[in-house]
């Protein structure tokens, strides 16, 4: 059974940082693309970033230079380092691998 579990969300002031983690079980992150998505209230879920099996990454244009996705194969964990956070980054953040989704972790950016 595949399970994806996000953590690391919270409340942070604009300009602050958070690191989200996505731990997988039942599926190998080193052999599959893992992606981060987010969904703000009243908006559609949108792609944020992804990391491919070969380590290449892809980011939403609006987070380039601020968000970095990385992977720890030994821990079967993917991270999303988020710096210079903005109010508009507030959302529920999900990780996805193949057709499997986690439950999400809330990120709130507010002063």
Foldseek 3Di string as FASTA:
>chain_A
DKAKAKDWADEAAQQAKIKMKIFIDPDQCLAWKKWKWWDDPPDDIGTAKIAGNVGDMDGDPVQPPFWDWGADRVRSMIMIIGGRDDQVVFTFMWMDTDHDIHPTDTHGYHD
